[in-house]
Amino acid sequence: EGFKPLFNGKNLSEWKGDTRLWKVENGVIVGSTDGIEIPHNTFLIHKKQFGDFHLKLQVKLRNHNSGVQFRSEELPDFVVKGLQADMAEGNYWGSIYDERGTRGIIVNGWKGKAEKVVKNNDWNDYEIYCKGDTIRITVNGVVTADIKDTSKMSGVLALQLHKGPGMRAEFRNMRIKVL
């Protein structure tokens, strides 16, 4: 298929982030803010940048809000700005959000779409497809967002832990095909 692992399954050597919050457990990237108050949203940032790609992964979320940044800009202190394939407890899954930008929710992929297929507190298949100005998000086989956007054509991929109540986000089977 041309997909390659985005994560080696052993350690976070290809990523950078706050080591108090991110670790590897049984081949899964685990982010948790349980017992740790963070001053702002924080990210585990992949060291490479990507433009046109197809990313497939599985995500499990316990409590609160997470997402996968793509074609985004890295800022100091493990902060990222740009497009996000969003997910949150009982909301936002499959949406495209402008993290630290001015557009807010660009596409609401939850209402009538992801809300029908998301498995709470369980593994969910997530896909992000970017080729030229086409951006498509798929959750558990359902296309939840499909837009044309040229705001940023390449940038970092990153995984989010949101400021607020203690939460846990898990990511596995991350594979990418550069287009």
C-alpha atoms as a PDB file:
ATOM      1  CA  GLU A   1       0.000   0.000   0.000  1.00  0.00           C
ATOM      2  CA  GLY A   2       2.966   2.331   0.414  1.00  0.00           C
ATOM      3  CA  PHE A   3       2.170   3.158   4.062  1.00  0.00           C
ATOM      4  CA  LYS A   4       5.074   3.369   6.510  1.00  0.00           C
ATOM      5  CA  PRO A   5       4.961   3.457  10.314  1.00  0.00           C
ATOM      6  CA  LEU A   6       4.991   6.994  11.747  1.00  0.00           C
ATOM      7  CA  PHE A   7       5.932   5.618  15.165  1.00  0.00           C
ATOM      8  CA  ASN A   8       8.460   2.863  15.900  1.00  0.00           C
ATOM      9  CA  GLY A   9       6.310   1.273  18.643  1.00  0.00           C
ATOM     10  CA  LYS A  10       9.152   1.400  21.201  1.00  0.00           C
ATOM     11  CA  ASN A  11      10.037   4.979  22.102  1.00  0.00           C
ATOM     12  CA  LEU A  12       9.419   8.602  21.181  1.00  0.00           C
ATOM     13  CA  SER A  13      12.768   9.185  19.436  1.00  0.00           C
ATOM     14  CA  GLU A  14      10.990  10.560  16.321  1.00  0.00           C
ATOM     15  CA  TRP A  15       8.879  12.940  18.412  1.00  0.00           C
ATOM     16  CA  LYS A  16       9.336  15.836  20.835  1.00  0.00           C
ATOM     17  CA  GLY A  17       7.106  16.796  23.736  1.00  0.00           C
ATOM     18  CA  ASP A  18       6.849  17.162  27.519  1.00  0.00           C
ATOM     19  CA  THR A  19       8.219  13.852  28.849  1.00  0.00           C
ATOM     20  CA  ARG A  20       6.064  14.178  31.994  1.00  0.00           C
ATOM     21  CA  LEU A  21       2.970  13.814  29.806  1.00  0.00           C
ATOM     22  CA  TRP A  22       3.927  11.433  26.963  1.00  0.00           C
ATOM     23  CA  LYS A  23       5.183   7.848  27.051  1.00  0.00           C
ATOM     24  CA  VAL A  24       4.970   4.513  25.252  1.00  0.00           C
ATOM     25  CA  GLU A  25       3.010   1.633  26.790  1.00  0.00           C
ATOM     26  CA  ASN A  26       2.805  -1.727  24.992  1.00  0.00           C
ATOM     27  CA  GLY A  27       3.450  -0.168  21.578  1.00  0.00           C
ATOM     28  CA  VAL A  28       0.938   2.665  22.115  1.00  0.00           C
ATOM     29  CA  ILE A  29       1.671   6.402  22.440  1.00  0.00           C
ATOM     30  CA  VAL A  30      -0.040   7.521  25.641  1.00  0.00           C
ATOM     31  CA  GLY A  31      -0.571  11.123  26.639  1.00  0.00           C
ATOM     32  CA  SER A  32      -1.984  11.910  30.066  1.00  0.00           C
ATOM     33  CA  THR A  33      -2.492  15.009  32.193  1.00  0.00           C
ATOM     34  CA  ASP A  34      -3.776  13.031  35.190  1.00  0.00           C
ATOM     35  CA  GLY A  35      -2.392  14.768  38.291  1.00  0.00           C
ATOM     36  CA  ILE A  36      -0.558  17.413  36.233  1.00  0.00           C
ATOM     37  CA  GLU A  37      -1.986  20.846  35.525  1.00  0.00           C
ATOM     38  CA  ILE A  38      -0.811  22.267  32.217  1.00  0.00           C
ATOM     39  CA  PRO A  39      -0.894  26.029  31.461  1.00  0.00           C
ATOM     40  CA  HIS A  40      -1.988  25.600  27.834  1.00  0.00           C
ATOM     41  CA  ASN A  41      -2.709  22.908  25.253  1.00  0.00           C
ATOM     42  CA  THR A  42       0.438  20.875  24.702  1.00  0.00           C
ATOM     43  CA  PHE A  43       1.559  18.601  21.891  1.00  0.00           C
ATOM     44  CA  LEU A  44       3.750  15.660  21.000  1.00  0.00           C
ATOM     45  CA  ILE A  45       5.312  16.889  17.749  1.00  0.00           C
ATOM     46  CA  HIS A  46       6.760  14.682  15.002  1.00  0.00           C
ATOM     47  CA  LYS A  47      10.247  15.800  13.971  1.00  0.00           C
ATOM     48  CA  LYS A  48       9.462  15.682  10.220  1.00  0.00           C
ATOM     49  CA  GLN A  49       7.146  17.941   8.240  1.00  0.00           C
ATOM     50  CA  PHE A  50       4.574  16.704   5.741  1.00  0.00           C
ATOM     51  CA  GLY A  51       2.598  18.300   2.910  1.00  0.00           C
ATOM     52  CA  ASP A  52       0.667  15.815   0.788  1.00  0.00           C
ATOM     53  CA  PHE A  53      -0.001  12.605   2.722  1.00  0.00           C
ATOM     54  CA  HIS A  54      -2.525  10.013   3.846  1.00  0.00           C
ATOM     55  CA  LEU A  55      -2.317   9.263   7.584  1.00  0.00           C
ATOM     56  CA  LYS A  56      -4.113   6.330   9.217  1.00  0.00           C
ATOM     57  CA  LEU A  57      -4.164   5.709  12.963  1.00  0.00           C
ATOM     58  CA  GLN A  58      -6.299   4.475  15.816  1.00  0.00           C
ATOM     59  CA  VAL A  59      -7.258   6.719  18.717  1.00  0.00           C
ATOM     60  CA  LYS A  60      -8.782   6.115  22.131  1.00  0.00           C
ATOM     61  CA  LEU A  61      -9.803   9.055  24.306  1.00  0.00           C
ATOM     62  CA  ARG A  62     -10.725   9.077  27.988  1.00  0.00           C
ATOM     63  CA  ASN A  63     -12.213  12.343  29.165  1.00  0.00           C
ATOM     64  CA  HIS A  64     -11.886  15.746  27.606  1.00  0.00           C
ATOM     65  CA  ASN A  65     -10.336  16.856  24.313  1.00  0.00           C
ATOM     66  CA  SER A  66      -7.544  15.886  21.912  1.00  0.00           C
ATOM     67  CA  GLY A  67      -6.725  16.011  18.232  1.00  0.00           C
ATOM     68  CA  VAL A  68      -4.149  15.465  15.522  1.00  0.00           C
ATOM     69  CA  GLN A  69      -2.495  18.588  14.147  1.00  0.00           C
ATOM     70  CA  PHE A  70      -1.451  18.536  10.502  1.00  0.00           C
ATOM     71  CA  ARG A  71       0.201  21.036   8.154  1.00  0.00           C
ATOM     72  CA  SER A  72       0.797  23.031  11.330  1.00  0.00           C
ATOM     73  CA  GLU A  73       3.430  25.418  12.661  1.00  0.00           C
ATOM     74  CA  GLU A  74       5.539  24.531  15.693  1.00  0.00           C
ATOM     75  CA  LEU A  75       5.775  27.255  18.342  1.00  0.00           C
ATOM     76  CA  PRO A  76       7.928  27.290  21.535  1.00  0.00           C
ATOM     77  CA  ASP A  77       7.105  25.170  24.594  1.00  0.00           C
ATOM     78  CA  PHE A  78       5.494  22.246  22.675  1.00  0.00           C
ATOM     79  CA  VAL A  79       2.714  24.446  21.283  1.00  0.00           C
ATOM     80  CA  VAL A  80       1.380  24.120  17.730  1.00  0.00           C
ATOM     81  CA  LYS A  81      -0.712  26.432  15.544  1.00  0.00           C
ATOM     82  CA  GLY A  82      -2.787  25.361  12.549  1.00  0.00           C
ATOM     83  CA  LEU A  83      -5.198  22.742  11.289  1.00  0.00           C
ATOM     84  CA  GLN A  84      -6.421  20.017  13.628  1.00  0.00           C
ATOM     85  CA  ALA A  85      -8.433  16.854  13.095  1.00  0.00           C
ATOM     86  CA  ASP A  86     -10.382  17.330  16.307  1.00  0.00           C
ATOM     87  CA  MET A  87     -11.890  14.906  18.822  1.00  0.00           C
ATOM     88  CA  ALA A  88     -13.485  15.387  22.209  1.00  0.00           C
ATOM     89  CA  GLU A  89     -15.633  13.462  24.623  1.00  0.00           C
ATOM     90  CA  GLY A  90     -19.136  13.441  23.123  1.00  0.00           C
ATOM     91  CA  ASN A  91     -18.261  16.073  20.515  1.00  0.00           C
ATOM     92  CA  TYR A  92     -15.903  17.365  17.779  1.00  0.00           C
ATOM     93  CA  TRP A  93     -14.736  13.966  16.433  1.00  0.00           C
ATOM     94  CA  GLY A  94     -14.121  14.294  12.700  1.00  0.00           C
ATOM     95  CA  SER A  95     -14.145  18.096  12.766  1.00  0.00           C
ATOM     96  CA  ILE A  96     -11.451  20.387  11.386  1.00  0.00           C
ATOM     97  CA  TYR A  97     -10.414  23.080  13.855  1.00  0.00           C
ATOM     98  CA  ASP A  98      -8.019  26.040  13.521  1.00  0.00           C
ATOM     99  CA  GLU A  99      -5.828  25.672  16.650  1.00  0.00           C
ATOM    100  CA  ARG A 100      -4.573  29.080  17.838  1.00  0.00           C
ATOM    101  CA  GLY A 101      -5.994  30.614  14.654  1.00  0.00           C
ATOM    102  CA  THR A 102      -8.942  32.835  13.889  1.00  0.00           C
ATOM    103  CA  ARG A 103     -11.318  30.426  12.115  1.00  0.00           C
ATOM    104  CA  GLY A 104     -12.374  28.191  15.036  1.00  0.00           C
ATOM    105  CA  ILE A 105     -14.307  25.133  13.853  1.00  0.00           C
ATOM    106  CA  ILE A 106     -13.830  25.100  10.077  1.00  0.00           C
ATOM    107  CA  VAL A 107     -15.945  21.966   9.502  1.00  0.00           C
ATOM    108  CA  ASN A 108     -18.235  20.327  12.057  1.00  0.00           C
ATOM    109  CA  GLY A 109     -17.751  16.620  11.378  1.00  0.00           C
ATOM    110  CA  TRP A 110     -19.578  15.520  14.525  1.00  0.00           C
ATOM    111  CA  LYS A 111     -23.226  16.441  13.878  1.00  0.00           C
ATOM    112  CA  GLY A 112     -24.908  13.715  11.856  1.00  0.00           C
ATOM    113  CA  LYS A 113     -21.596  12.088  10.936  1.00  0.00           C
ATOM    114  CA  ALA A 114     -18.984  11.033  13.524  1.00  0.00           C
ATOM    115  CA  GLU A 115     -21.592  11.056  16.320  1.00  0.00           C
ATOM    116  CA  LYS A 116     -23.144   8.003  14.627  1.00  0.00           C
ATOM    117  CA  VAL A 117     -19.942   5.909  14.551  1.00  0.00           C
ATOM    118  CA  VAL A 118     -17.596   6.966  17.395  1.00  0.00           C
ATOM    119  CA  LYS A 119     -16.973   4.306  20.023  1.00  0.00           C
ATOM    120  CA  ASN A 120     -16.546   6.061  23.386  1.00  0.00           C
ATOM    121  CA  ASN A 121     -13.626   4.860  25.516  1.00  0.00           C
ATOM    122  CA  ASP A 122     -12.618   2.452  22.746  1.00  0.00           C
ATOM    123  CA  TRP A 123     -10.373   2.429  19.673  1.00  0.00           C
ATOM    124  CA  ASN A 124     -11.531   4.481  16.692  1.00  0.00           C
ATOM    125  CA  ASP A 125     -10.046   4.501  13.183  1.00  0.00           C
ATOM    126  CA  TYR A 126      -9.029   7.998  12.086  1.00  0.00           C
ATOM    127  CA  GLU A 127      -7.726   9.076   8.691  1.00  0.00           C
ATOM    128  CA  ILE A 128      -6.374  12.399   7.485  1.00  0.00           C
ATOM    129  CA  TYR A 129      -5.897  12.813   3.734  1.00  0.00           C
ATOM    130  CA  CYS A 130      -4.181  15.923   2.328  1.00  0.00           C
ATOM    131  CA  LYS A 131      -3.340  16.359  -1.353  1.00  0.00           C
ATOM    132  CA  GLY A 132      -2.940  19.857  -2.738  1.00  0.00           C
ATOM    133  CA  ASP A 133      -5.898  21.883  -1.490  1.00  0.00           C
ATOM    134  CA  THR A 134      -8.001  18.774  -0.696  1.00  0.00           C
ATOM    135  CA  ILE A 135      -8.344  17.822   2.971  1.00  0.00           C
ATOM    136  CA  ARG A 136     -10.522  14.885   4.036  1.00  0.00           C
ATOM    137  CA  ILE A 137     -11.121  13.428   7.503  1.00  0.00           C
ATOM    138  CA  THR A 138     -12.583   9.941   7.957  1.00  0.00           C
ATOM    139  CA  VAL A 139     -13.705   8.419  11.283  1.00  0.00           C
ATOM    140  CA  ASN A 140     -14.501   4.693  11.445  1.00  0.00           C
ATOM    141  CA  GLY A 141     -15.074   4.605   7.680  1.00  0.00           C
ATOM    142  CA  VAL A 142     -17.324   7.696   7.523  1.00  0.00           C
ATOM    143  CA  VAL A 143     -16.067  10.839   5.756  1.00  0.00           C
ATOM    144  CA  THR A 144     -16.760  13.609   8.267  1.00  0.00           C
ATOM    145  CA  ALA A 145     -15.017  16.553   6.592  1.00  0.00           C
ATOM    146  CA  ASP A 146     -14.034  17.195   2.977  1.00  0.00           C
ATOM    147  CA  ILE A 147     -12.813  20.699   2.117  1.00  0.00           C
ATOM    148  CA  LYS A 148     -10.572  22.736  -0.147  1.00  0.00           C
ATOM    149  CA  ASP A 149      -8.078  24.779   1.889  1.00  0.00           C
ATOM    150  CA  THR A 150      -4.780  26.421   0.971  1.00  0.00           C
ATOM    151  CA  SER A 151      -4.054  28.163   4.290  1.00  0.00           C
ATOM    152  CA  LYS A 152      -0.957  25.997   4.844  1.00  0.00           C
ATOM    153  CA  MET A 153       0.324  23.394   2.415  1.00  0.00           C
ATOM    154  CA  SER A 154       2.832  21.640   4.691  1.00  0.00           C
ATOM    155  CA  GLY A 155       3.949  21.527   8.297  1.00  0.00           C
ATOM    156  CA  VAL A 156       4.265  19.359  11.372  1.00  0.00           C
ATOM    157  CA  LEU A 157       2.039  16.566  12.605  1.00  0.00           C
ATOM    158  CA  ALA A 158       1.332  16.623  16.343  1.00  0.00           C
ATOM    159  CA  LEU A 159      -0.850  14.933  18.960  1.00  0.00           C
ATOM    160  CA  GLN A 160      -2.749  17.098  21.455  1.00  0.00           C
ATOM    161  CA  LEU A 161      -3.386  17.075  25.174  1.00  0.00           C
ATOM    162  CA  HIS A 162      -5.877  19.808  26.073  1.00  0.00           C
ATOM    163  CA  LYS A 163      -5.669  22.126  29.062  1.00  0.00           C
ATOM    164  CA  GLY A 164      -8.348  21.400  31.653  1.00  0.00           C
ATOM    165  CA  PRO A 165      -9.442  18.300  33.541  1.00  0.00           C
ATOM    166  CA  GLY A 166      -7.144  15.275  33.707  1.00  0.00           C
ATOM    167  CA  MET A 167      -7.329  13.272  30.503  1.00  0.00           C
ATOM    168  CA  ARG A 168      -5.764  10.369  28.620  1.00  0.00           C
ATOM    169  CA  ALA A 169      -5.325  10.051  24.845  1.00  0.00           C
ATOM    170  CA  GLU A 170      -3.869   6.936  23.199  1.00  0.00           C
ATOM    171  CA  PHE A 171      -2.594   6.569  19.634  1.00  0.00           C
ATOM    172  CA  ARG A 172      -1.572   3.352  17.850  1.00  0.00           C
ATOM    173  CA  ASN A 173      -1.093   1.807  14.404  1.00  0.00           C
ATOM    174  CA  MET A 174       0.086   5.158  13.055  1.00  0.00           C
ATOM    175  CA  ARG A 175       1.079   4.839   9.405  1.00  0.00           C
ATOM    176  CA  ILE A 176       1.584   7.390   6.684  1.00  0.00           C
ATOM    177  CA  LYS A 177       1.860   7.412   2.927  1.00  0.00           C
ATOM    178  CA  VAL A 178       3.548  10.467   1.414  1.00  0.00           C
ATOM    179  CA  LEU A 179       1.675  11.407  -1.772  1.00  0.00           C
END
